[in-house]
Amino acid sequence: MDPHIIIVGAGQAGLQASETLRAGGYEGQLTVLGDEPHLPYHRPPLSKAWLAGDMAVEQLAMRAEAALERKNITIRTASPVAALDTARRLVQLADGTQLKYTGLLLATGATPRQLPGQSSGSADGCKAIRVLRSRDDASAVSDCLRRCAEHGLPVVVIGGGFIGLEVAATARKLGLPVTVLEAAPRLLGRVLAPVLSDWYATLHRARGAHLVLNARIAEIHPVNDHIAEVRLADGQSYRAGLVLVGIGVCANDALARAAGIACDNGIVVDACGRTSAPDVYAAGDCTARRLDDGTLLRLESVQNAIEQGRAAAAGLLGQDKPFTAVPWFWSDQYDKKLQIAGLSHGADSWVVRGDMHADTPFSVYHFRQGRLAAVDSINSAKEHLAARTVLTMPVPPTPEQVGSADFDLAAFAKAAQAAAA
C-alpha cells in the first residue's frame, strides 16, 4: 500500500511529530486524528493567561490551518478513534470509518482524575463541578469564574498541585475568595522540596487564598445547577460557584491496551518512542518511558511532548534519535515563575541560593547522594538555563560549591564547557 502515517492525537506531541516527519523528508499521506473539535492549541495558558482573560482564543492556536495545508498535513478534528488493529494495520474511527496505516503514532494524552461519584461537566450534573484539561474545560471554568464574580460566590480548588494552584492564583487575581483543599500535609509534595512547598503556602496565603492541608473529602454534592458544596471528613463544608478538581491525570492508554500493546500506567516506550507493536510509536502524556535501569518514567510536560514527538517521528523515518535531554517544567502563579530543571525525586539534601523571604529571585538546588539532581528557580531564567546545561555535565557542582557565597552557576557551566572543548 502507499505510505500512510496516522497520528492519533492532535495535541503538542502529535503536531510536533507531523511537522518533524515533513521536515525529515516524508512525502506520503499524513493524517492527524483529533477527538476535539479544535485544531491543535496550547494547553499551558488554559489555567493562567487565557483563563484570566489576558489572551484571546485565537492566540491559543499552535498553527494556522493554512500553514498545515502548506505542509500537506491532514488534520481531522472531532474524529475519535474507537479501536486499533495492529495485525491488519487498521485504525477504526468511532463513526465506523477504517483507515490503513504503514506507520502509527499514538499521542492520546491524558485525562483528569475524578473523585468517586464526581459528575464533572455532564449535561445533567452540577455545572459548578469542573476539571481543567481541554479548551472546552477551560471555557466552562471561565464561565464559572464569571458567574462567581457576578454573584459574589467563592471558589474551591481540590488539589494543591500545579493546575489547582495556577487556577487558585488566577481566581485570586480576579478578586475571588479561594479555598484550596489538599489531601497531603503540604502543597506540591510530589514535585517540590519541603522548603519550597512552605514558600508556596506562604505565597498563596499572602495573596488571600485559604489553604486547608490534610483535607479529606467526604462528599461533593450539588446545591443547585450552579453551586456545589464540598464536605470534609471533619465536618467542615464549603459552598462555591466553582469546585475545580485538580488531583492529577491518568494516561490515555485504553486504545493501546485493547490492541495488545504493552502498557504500565501509560503506553510503554523506549527512548525513541517505540511501543511493543511493530511500526507503532507513542509520545507525550500517554507514555511511560523505559529507562536504562528498567524503571519507567512518566513525564507530563510540553518539553516531553515535543521531544518524544521528534524522536517518534525519526523512528517512523527509520532513524534512531532517542530523547535524552534534561527534563524541564514551569509554572506561573501570581507574578512568580517557577522553572524546574531535572528530576528531584529521591533528593536527600538541598541548598537554597538567594533570599526566599525577599521579593527577589532565588533557586533551590536538589542533591541525591551528593550529586546535583535538579534546580528549581523562581523568577531566575538565567539560572534555569544554566542548570539545564550543568545537569548534562559529567561533573556538576557539589553542595559545598553551590553553598559558597561567590558561586555562579552560569560561570561554572561556561568554564566546564570550555574545559571540555
Protein backbone atom coordinates (compact mmCIF):
# COMPACT_ATOMS: atom_id res chain seq x y z
CA MET A 1 0.00 0.00 0.00
CA ASP A 2 1.04 3.61 -0.42
CA PRO A 3 2.80 5.14 2.61
CA HIS A 4 0.30 6.45 5.15
CA ILE A 5 1.32 7.53 8.63
CA ILE A 6 -1.55 8.09 11.06
CA ILE A 7 -1.16 10.09 14.25
CA VAL A 8 -3.84 9.58 16.88
CA GLY A 9 -3.95 12.76 18.93
CA ALA A 10 -3.84 16.39 17.78
CA GLY A 11 -2.02 17.90 20.75
CA GLN A 12 1.56 19.08 21.18
CA ALA A 13 3.17 15.66 20.60
CA GLY A 14 1.03 14.81 17.59
CA LEU A 15 1.58 18.15 15.88
CA GLN A 16 5.32 18.08 16.59
CA ALA A 17 5.63 14.59 15.12
CA SER A 18 3.70 15.54 11.98
CA GLU A 19 5.90 18.56 11.31
CA THR A 20 9.07 16.60 12.06
CA LEU A 21 8.00 13.94 9.57
CA ARG A 22 7.56 16.52 6.83
CA ALA A 23 10.82 18.28 7.74
CA GLY A 24 12.56 14.87 7.64
CA GLY A 25 11.50 14.24 4.05
CA TYR A 26 8.40 12.08 4.46
CA GLU A 27 6.22 12.66 1.39
CA GLY A 28 3.47 10.09 1.89
CA GLN A 29 -0.03 10.60 3.22
CA LEU A 30 -0.06 12.04 6.74
CA THR A 31 -3.24 12.13 8.81
CA VAL A 32 -3.66 13.52 12.33
CA LEU A 33 -6.81 12.42 14.15
CA GLY A 34 -8.10 14.62 16.98
CA ASP A 35 -11.11 13.84 19.13
CA GLU A 36 -11.73 17.51 19.96
CA PRO A 37 -13.40 19.91 17.52
CA HIS A 38 -10.42 22.28 17.60
CA LEU A 39 -7.16 22.45 15.69
CA PRO A 40 -4.03 21.93 17.84
CA TYR A 41 -3.78 24.52 20.61
CA HIS A 42 -1.53 25.43 23.53
CA ARG A 43 -2.65 23.94 26.86
CA PRO A 44 -0.43 25.76 29.41
CA PRO A 45 -2.25 29.14 29.12
CA LEU A 46 -5.61 27.49 29.86
CA SER A 47 -5.07 27.68 33.62
CA LYS A 48 -3.28 31.04 33.54
CA ALA A 49 -3.30 33.83 30.92
CA TRP A 50 -6.28 32.61 28.91
CA LEU A 51 -8.37 31.84 31.99
CA ALA A 52 -7.59 35.29 33.39
CA GLY A 53 -8.75 36.92 30.15
CA ASP A 54 -5.26 38.11 29.21
CA MET A 55 -5.13 36.08 25.98
CA ALA A 56 -7.53 35.90 23.05
CA VAL A 57 -8.75 32.47 21.99
CA GLU A 58 -7.02 32.93 18.63
CA GLN A 59 -3.68 33.07 20.42
CA LEU A 60 -4.14 29.54 21.70
CA ALA A 61 -3.74 28.07 18.22
CA MET A 62 -0.39 26.39 17.60
CA ARG A 63 -0.61 26.68 13.83
CA ALA A 64 -2.96 28.33 11.37
CA GLU A 65 -4.94 25.92 9.22
CA ALA A 66 -3.28 27.33 6.10
CA ALA A 67 0.17 26.50 7.49
CA LEU A 68 -0.83 22.87 7.99
CA GLU A 69 -2.26 22.71 4.49
CA ARG A 70 1.01 24.02 3.03
CA LYS A 71 2.80 21.13 4.71
CA ASN A 72 0.21 18.69 3.38
CA ILE A 73 -0.76 17.63 6.90
CA THR A 74 -4.36 16.46 7.07
CA ILE A 75 -5.93 17.10 10.48
CA ARG A 76 -9.32 15.55 11.10
CA THR A 77 -10.94 17.15 14.13
CA ALA A 78 -13.87 15.63 16.04
CA SER A 79 -12.66 12.20 14.89
CA PRO A 80 -12.30 9.98 17.96
CA VAL A 81 -10.69 6.58 17.45
CA ALA A 82 -12.63 3.53 18.63
CA ALA A 83 -10.11 0.72 18.07
CA LEU A 84 -6.73 -0.28 16.68
CA ASP A 85 -5.86 -3.47 14.82
CA THR A 86 -2.08 -3.73 14.74
CA ALA A 87 -2.12 -7.07 12.89
CA ARG A 88 -4.13 -5.66 9.99
CA ARG A 89 -2.65 -2.14 10.45
CA LEU A 90 -6.06 -0.54 10.81
CA VAL A 91 -7.39 2.43 12.76
CA GLN A 92 -11.14 2.36 13.27
CA LEU A 93 -12.91 5.64 13.99
CA ALA A 94 -15.96 5.97 16.20
CA ASP A 95 -18.12 6.55 13.11
CA GLY A 96 -17.05 3.18 11.68
CA THR A 97 -14.51 4.50 9.18
CA GLN A 98 -11.40 2.32 8.83
CA LEU A 99 -8.02 3.77 7.85
CA LYS A 100 -5.00 1.70 6.80
CA TYR A 101 -1.57 2.75 8.01
CA THR A 102 2.04 1.91 7.30
CA GLY A 103 3.16 3.72 10.46
CA LEU A 104 1.21 4.71 13.55
CA LEU A 105 1.88 7.20 16.33
CA LEU A 106 -0.25 7.29 19.48
CA ALA A 107 -0.29 10.73 21.10
CA THR A 108 -3.52 10.30 23.04
CA GLY A 109 -2.60 12.46 26.04
CA ALA A 110 -4.15 12.10 29.48
CA THR A 111 -7.48 12.56 31.27
CA PRO A 112 -8.03 14.34 34.61
CA ARG A 113 -8.62 12.09 37.58
CA GLN A 114 -12.01 12.45 39.20
CA LEU A 115 -13.17 11.86 42.74
CA PRO A 116 -15.50 8.91 43.36
CA GLY A 117 -19.04 9.88 42.43
CA GLN A 118 -17.93 13.08 40.70
CA SER A 119 -20.00 14.09 37.65
CA SER A 120 -17.92 16.87 36.14
CA GLY A 121 -19.31 18.84 33.25
CA SER A 122 -22.11 16.40 32.45
CA ALA A 123 -25.32 17.75 30.95
CA ASP A 124 -27.34 16.63 33.94
CA GLY A 125 -24.67 17.35 36.56
CA CYS A 126 -23.89 20.48 38.54
CA LYS A 127 -22.16 23.00 36.29
CA ALA A 128 -20.06 24.23 39.19
CA ILE A 129 -18.03 21.00 39.47
CA ARG A 130 -15.22 21.07 36.92
CA VAL A 131 -11.87 19.70 35.83
CA LEU A 132 -9.39 21.55 33.62
CA ARG A 133 -7.58 19.84 30.79
CA SER A 134 -9.05 20.86 27.43
CA ARG A 135 -10.01 24.14 25.80
CA ASP A 136 -13.68 23.31 26.37
CA ASP A 137 -12.93 22.58 30.03
CA ALA A 138 -11.26 25.98 30.30
CA SER A 139 -14.26 27.70 28.70
CA ALA A 140 -16.56 26.06 31.27
CA VAL A 141 -14.26 27.07 34.14
CA SER A 142 -14.13 30.62 32.76
CA ASP A 143 -17.93 30.74 32.73
CA CYS A 144 -17.95 29.63 36.38
CA LEU A 145 -15.44 32.30 37.36
CA ARG A 146 -17.53 34.95 35.64
CA ARG A 147 -20.64 33.76 37.47
CA CYS A 148 -18.71 33.75 40.75
CA ALA A 149 -17.70 37.37 40.16
CA GLU A 150 -21.24 38.40 39.24
CA HIS A 151 -22.90 36.73 42.23
CA GLY A 152 -20.20 37.05 44.88
CA LEU A 153 -19.54 33.30 45.03
CA PRO A 154 -16.29 31.75 46.26
CA VAL A 155 -14.05 29.22 44.50
CA VAL A 156 -12.92 25.89 45.94
CA VAL A 157 -9.93 24.10 44.46
CA ILE A 158 -9.43 20.44 45.33
CA GLY A 159 -5.78 19.58 44.91
CA GLY A 160 -2.65 21.57 45.68
CA GLY A 161 -0.71 20.61 42.55
CA PHE A 162 0.29 22.84 39.67
CA ILE A 163 -3.10 23.01 37.91
CA GLY A 164 -5.01 23.61 41.15
CA LEU A 165 -2.64 26.31 42.37
CA GLU A 166 -2.50 28.04 38.99
CA VAL A 167 -6.30 28.23 38.91
CA ALA A 168 -6.31 29.41 42.53
CA ALA A 169 -3.83 32.17 41.67
CA THR A 170 -5.86 33.20 38.63
CA ALA A 171 -9.07 33.33 40.70
CA ARG A 172 -7.38 35.44 43.40
CA LYS A 173 -6.08 37.84 40.75
CA LEU A 174 -9.71 38.24 39.69
CA GLY A 175 -10.55 39.14 43.28
CA LEU A 176 -12.49 35.97 44.13
CA PRO A 177 -12.41 34.23 47.52
CA VAL A 178 -10.46 30.98 47.13
CA THR A 179 -10.06 27.89 49.30
CA VAL A 180 -7.55 25.18 48.37
CA LEU A 181 -8.17 21.70 49.80
CA GLU A 182 -5.07 19.50 49.70
CA ALA A 183 -5.07 15.90 50.98
CA ALA A 184 -1.32 15.89 51.69
CA PRO A 185 0.39 17.76 54.54
CA ARG A 186 2.00 20.19 52.08
CA LEU A 187 1.45 21.71 48.65
CA LEU A 188 3.14 20.24 45.59
CA GLY A 189 4.50 17.46 47.77
CA ARG A 190 5.24 15.09 44.89
CA VAL A 191 7.46 17.53 43.00
CA LEU A 192 8.97 20.11 45.37
CA ALA A 193 11.23 20.05 48.41
CA PRO A 194 9.52 20.90 51.71
CA VAL A 195 11.24 24.28 51.87
CA LEU A 196 9.70 25.30 48.53
CA SER A 197 6.32 23.80 49.42
CA ASP A 198 6.28 26.00 52.51
CA TRP A 199 7.26 29.02 50.40
CA TYR A 200 4.32 28.41 48.06
CA ALA A 201 1.95 28.06 51.02
CA THR A 202 3.16 31.41 52.33
CA LEU A 203 2.80 32.97 48.86
CA HIS A 204 -0.80 31.85 48.43
CA ARG A 205 -1.81 32.82 51.94
CA ALA A 206 -0.22 36.25 51.50
CA ARG A 207 -2.33 36.73 48.35
CA GLY A 208 -5.51 35.89 50.27
CA ALA A 209 -6.06 32.20 49.48
CA HIS A 210 -7.28 29.95 52.30
CA LEU A 211 -5.35 26.67 52.46
CA VAL A 212 -6.60 23.52 54.13
CA LEU A 213 -3.94 20.79 54.29
CA ASN A 214 -4.57 17.15 55.23
CA ALA A 215 -8.07 17.67 53.86
CA ARG A 216 -10.19 14.55 53.43
CA ILE A 217 -13.10 14.95 51.02
CA ALA A 218 -16.21 13.18 52.26
CA GLU A 219 -18.65 14.38 49.63
CA ILE A 220 -19.23 16.85 46.81
CA HIS A 221 -22.88 17.44 46.09
CA PRO A 222 -24.88 19.94 44.03
CA VAL A 223 -26.81 22.66 45.84
CA ASN A 224 -28.35 23.75 42.55
CA ASP A 225 -27.24 23.90 38.90
CA HIS A 226 -24.53 26.48 39.61
CA ILE A 227 -23.48 25.95 43.23
CA ALA A 228 -21.85 22.90 44.81
CA GLU A 229 -20.87 22.04 48.35
CA VAL A 230 -17.73 20.19 49.43
CA ARG A 231 -17.89 18.41 52.77
CA LEU A 232 -14.78 17.23 54.59
CA ALA A 233 -14.46 14.21 56.83
CA ASP A 234 -14.01 16.51 59.85
CA GLY A 235 -17.41 18.10 59.27
CA GLN A 236 -16.25 21.33 57.62
CA SER A 237 -18.12 22.30 54.47
CA TYR A 238 -17.54 24.82 51.67
CA ARG A 239 -20.05 26.13 49.15
CA ALA A 240 -18.75 27.51 45.86
CA GLY A 241 -19.73 28.64 42.39
CA LEU A 242 -16.72 26.70 41.11
CA VAL A 243 -15.31 23.49 42.54
CA LEU A 244 -12.20 22.77 40.48
CA VAL A 245 -10.93 19.20 40.90
CA GLY A 246 -7.22 19.13 40.13
CA ILE A 247 -5.91 15.85 41.51
CA GLY A 248 -3.72 14.71 38.63
CA VAL A 249 -4.27 12.84 35.38
CA CYS A 250 -4.39 9.29 34.03
CA ALA A 251 -2.61 8.33 30.82
CA ASN A 252 -4.98 7.64 27.94
CA ASP A 253 -3.69 4.14 27.18
CA ALA A 254 -7.02 2.29 26.80
CA LEU A 255 -6.77 2.08 22.98
CA ALA A 256 -3.28 0.66 23.20
CA ARG A 257 -4.22 -1.83 25.95
CA ALA A 258 -7.18 -3.09 23.94
CA ALA A 259 -4.89 -3.59 20.95
CA GLY A 260 -2.47 -5.70 22.99
CA ILE A 261 0.27 -3.04 23.20
CA ALA A 262 2.30 -3.15 26.42
CA CYS A 263 1.11 -0.58 28.97
CA ASP A 264 2.01 0.17 32.59
CA ASN A 265 0.46 3.41 33.82
CA GLY A 266 0.91 4.60 30.26
CA ILE A 267 1.97 3.17 26.89
CA VAL A 268 5.43 1.68 27.45
CA VAL A 269 8.00 3.13 25.04
CA ASP A 270 11.77 3.24 24.69
CA ALA A 271 13.81 6.43 24.30
CA CYS A 272 12.89 6.51 20.60
CA GLY A 273 9.16 6.19 21.27
CA ARG A 274 8.82 2.56 20.11
CA THR A 275 5.99 0.50 21.56
CA SER A 276 5.74 -3.29 21.73
CA ALA A 277 3.85 -3.36 18.39
CA PRO A 278 5.63 -3.18 15.04
CA ASP A 279 5.70 0.26 13.41
CA VAL A 280 3.68 1.72 16.29
CA TYR A 281 5.15 4.60 18.29
CA ALA A 282 3.82 6.74 21.12
CA ALA A 283 4.65 10.18 22.51
CA GLY A 284 3.56 12.67 25.12
CA ASP A 285 1.49 12.38 28.29
CA CYS A 286 0.16 8.94 27.34
CA THR A 287 3.58 7.29 27.61
CA ALA A 288 5.73 5.62 30.25
CA ARG A 289 9.36 5.60 29.08
CA ARG A 290 11.55 2.61 29.90
CA LEU A 291 14.88 3.83 31.25
CA ASP A 292 18.24 2.05 31.03
CA ASP A 293 17.83 0.66 34.56
CA GLY A 294 14.47 -0.89 33.67
CA THR A 295 12.32 1.58 35.57
CA LEU A 296 9.50 3.54 33.94
CA LEU A 297 9.32 7.33 33.81
CA ARG A 298 6.14 9.31 33.17
CA LEU A 299 6.59 12.97 32.35
CA GLU A 300 3.73 15.40 31.78
CA SER A 301 5.21 18.47 30.15
CA VAL A 302 5.37 20.42 26.92
CA GLN A 303 9.07 19.62 26.57
CA ASN A 304 8.44 15.89 26.90
CA ALA A 305 5.66 16.01 24.29
CA ILE A 306 7.86 17.92 21.85
CA GLU A 307 10.99 15.80 22.30
CA GLN A 308 9.13 12.47 22.26
CA GLY A 309 7.22 13.64 19.19
CA ARG A 310 10.51 14.35 17.43
CA ALA A 311 12.04 11.04 18.49
CA ALA A 312 8.99 9.05 17.40
CA ALA A 313 8.88 10.81 14.03
CA ALA A 314 12.54 9.97 13.49
CA GLY A 315 11.77 6.34 14.31
CA LEU A 316 8.98 6.26 11.76
CA LEU A 317 11.53 7.56 9.25
CA GLY A 318 13.88 4.69 10.11
CA GLN A 319 16.25 6.74 12.26
CA ASP A 320 17.24 6.40 15.92
CA LYS A 321 17.19 9.77 17.67
CA PRO A 322 16.47 8.99 21.32
CA PHE A 323 15.08 11.59 23.70
CA THR A 324 17.74 12.02 26.38
CA ALA A 325 17.52 15.74 27.22
CA VAL A 326 17.28 17.02 30.80
CA PRO A 327 13.58 17.28 31.69
CA TRP A 328 12.29 20.78 32.43
CA PHE A 329 8.97 22.24 33.52
CA TRP A 330 7.46 25.57 34.51
CA SER A 331 4.52 27.05 36.41
CA ASP A 332 3.22 30.62 36.63
CA GLN A 333 1.45 31.63 39.84
CA TYR A 334 0.76 35.32 40.52
CA ASP A 335 3.91 37.18 39.45
CA LYS A 336 6.20 34.23 40.22
CA LYS A 337 7.56 31.89 37.57
CA LEU A 338 8.88 28.55 38.76
CA GLN A 339 11.24 26.81 36.34
CA ILE A 340 12.40 23.29 37.13
CA ALA A 341 15.41 21.60 35.52
CA GLY A 342 15.96 17.91 36.25
CA LEU A 343 14.06 15.48 38.45
CA SER A 344 14.25 15.94 42.21
CA HIS A 345 12.61 12.70 43.38
CA GLY A 346 14.85 10.88 45.80
CA ALA A 347 16.81 14.02 46.70
CA ASP A 348 18.24 13.86 50.22
CA SER A 349 19.69 17.35 50.63
CA TRP A 350 19.02 20.88 49.40
CA VAL A 351 20.87 24.17 49.09
CA VAL A 352 18.99 27.45 48.71
CA ARG A 353 20.70 30.26 46.83
CA GLY A 354 19.18 33.71 47.29
CA ASP A 355 16.76 35.06 49.85
CA MET A 356 13.46 33.16 49.86
CA HIS A 357 11.93 35.76 52.16
CA ALA A 358 12.65 38.76 49.95
CA ASP A 359 10.86 39.63 46.75
CA THR A 360 13.92 38.64 44.72
CA PRO A 361 14.92 35.66 42.54
CA PHE A 362 16.21 32.50 44.23
CA SER A 363 16.87 28.85 43.45
CA VAL A 364 16.71 25.55 45.30
CA TYR A 365 19.41 23.00 44.37
CA HIS A 366 18.49 19.35 44.93
CA PHE A 367 21.19 16.75 45.61
CA ARG A 368 20.94 12.98 45.62
CA GLN A 369 23.87 11.32 47.44
CA GLY A 370 25.94 14.44 46.88
CA ARG A 371 25.23 14.75 43.14
CA LEU A 372 23.16 17.57 41.68
CA ALA A 373 19.78 16.17 40.56
CA ALA A 374 17.63 19.24 39.88
CA VAL A 375 17.39 23.00 40.24
CA ASP A 376 14.14 24.85 40.95
CA SER A 377 14.35 28.55 40.12
CA ILE A 378 11.91 31.33 40.99
CA ASN A 379 11.99 34.33 38.60
CA SER A 380 15.53 33.40 37.54
CA ALA A 381 15.53 32.38 33.88
CA LYS A 382 19.31 32.74 33.61
CA GLU A 383 19.93 30.27 36.41
CA HIS A 384 17.36 27.86 34.97
CA LEU A 385 19.03 27.83 31.55
CA ALA A 386 22.43 27.31 33.14
CA ALA A 387 21.03 24.45 35.22
CA ARG A 388 19.78 22.66 32.11
CA THR A 389 23.34 22.77 30.77
CA VAL A 390 25.10 21.84 34.02
CA LEU A 391 22.86 18.82 34.64
CA THR A 392 24.21 17.22 31.44
CA MET A 393 27.82 17.52 32.59
CA PRO A 394 29.75 14.55 33.99
CA VAL A 395 30.96 16.63 36.95
CA PRO A 396 28.23 19.01 38.17
CA PRO A 397 28.85 21.35 41.14
CA THR A 398 28.93 19.93 44.65
CA PRO A 399 26.77 21.07 47.58
CA GLU A 400 29.84 22.83 49.00
CA GLN A 401 30.41 24.77 45.77
CA VAL A 402 26.75 25.74 45.47
CA GLY A 403 26.72 26.84 49.10
CA SER A 404 29.62 29.24 48.56
CA ALA A 405 28.60 32.91 48.57
CA ASP A 406 30.54 33.67 45.36
CA PHE A 407 29.27 30.67 43.35
CA ASP A 408 27.86 31.49 39.91
CA LEU A 409 26.13 28.63 38.06
CA ALA A 410 26.34 30.28 34.63
CA ALA A 411 30.08 30.87 35.08
CA PHE A 412 30.54 27.26 36.24
CA ALA A 413 28.74 26.00 33.14
CA LYS A 414 30.81 28.19 30.85
CA ALA A 415 34.10 27.13 32.44
CA ALA A 416 33.15 23.44 32.34
CA GLN A 417 32.21 23.68 28.67
CA ALA A 418 35.48 25.45 27.84
CA ALA A 419 37.47 22.78 29.70
CA ALA A 420 35.70 20.01 27.79
CA ALA A 421 36.25 21.64 24.39
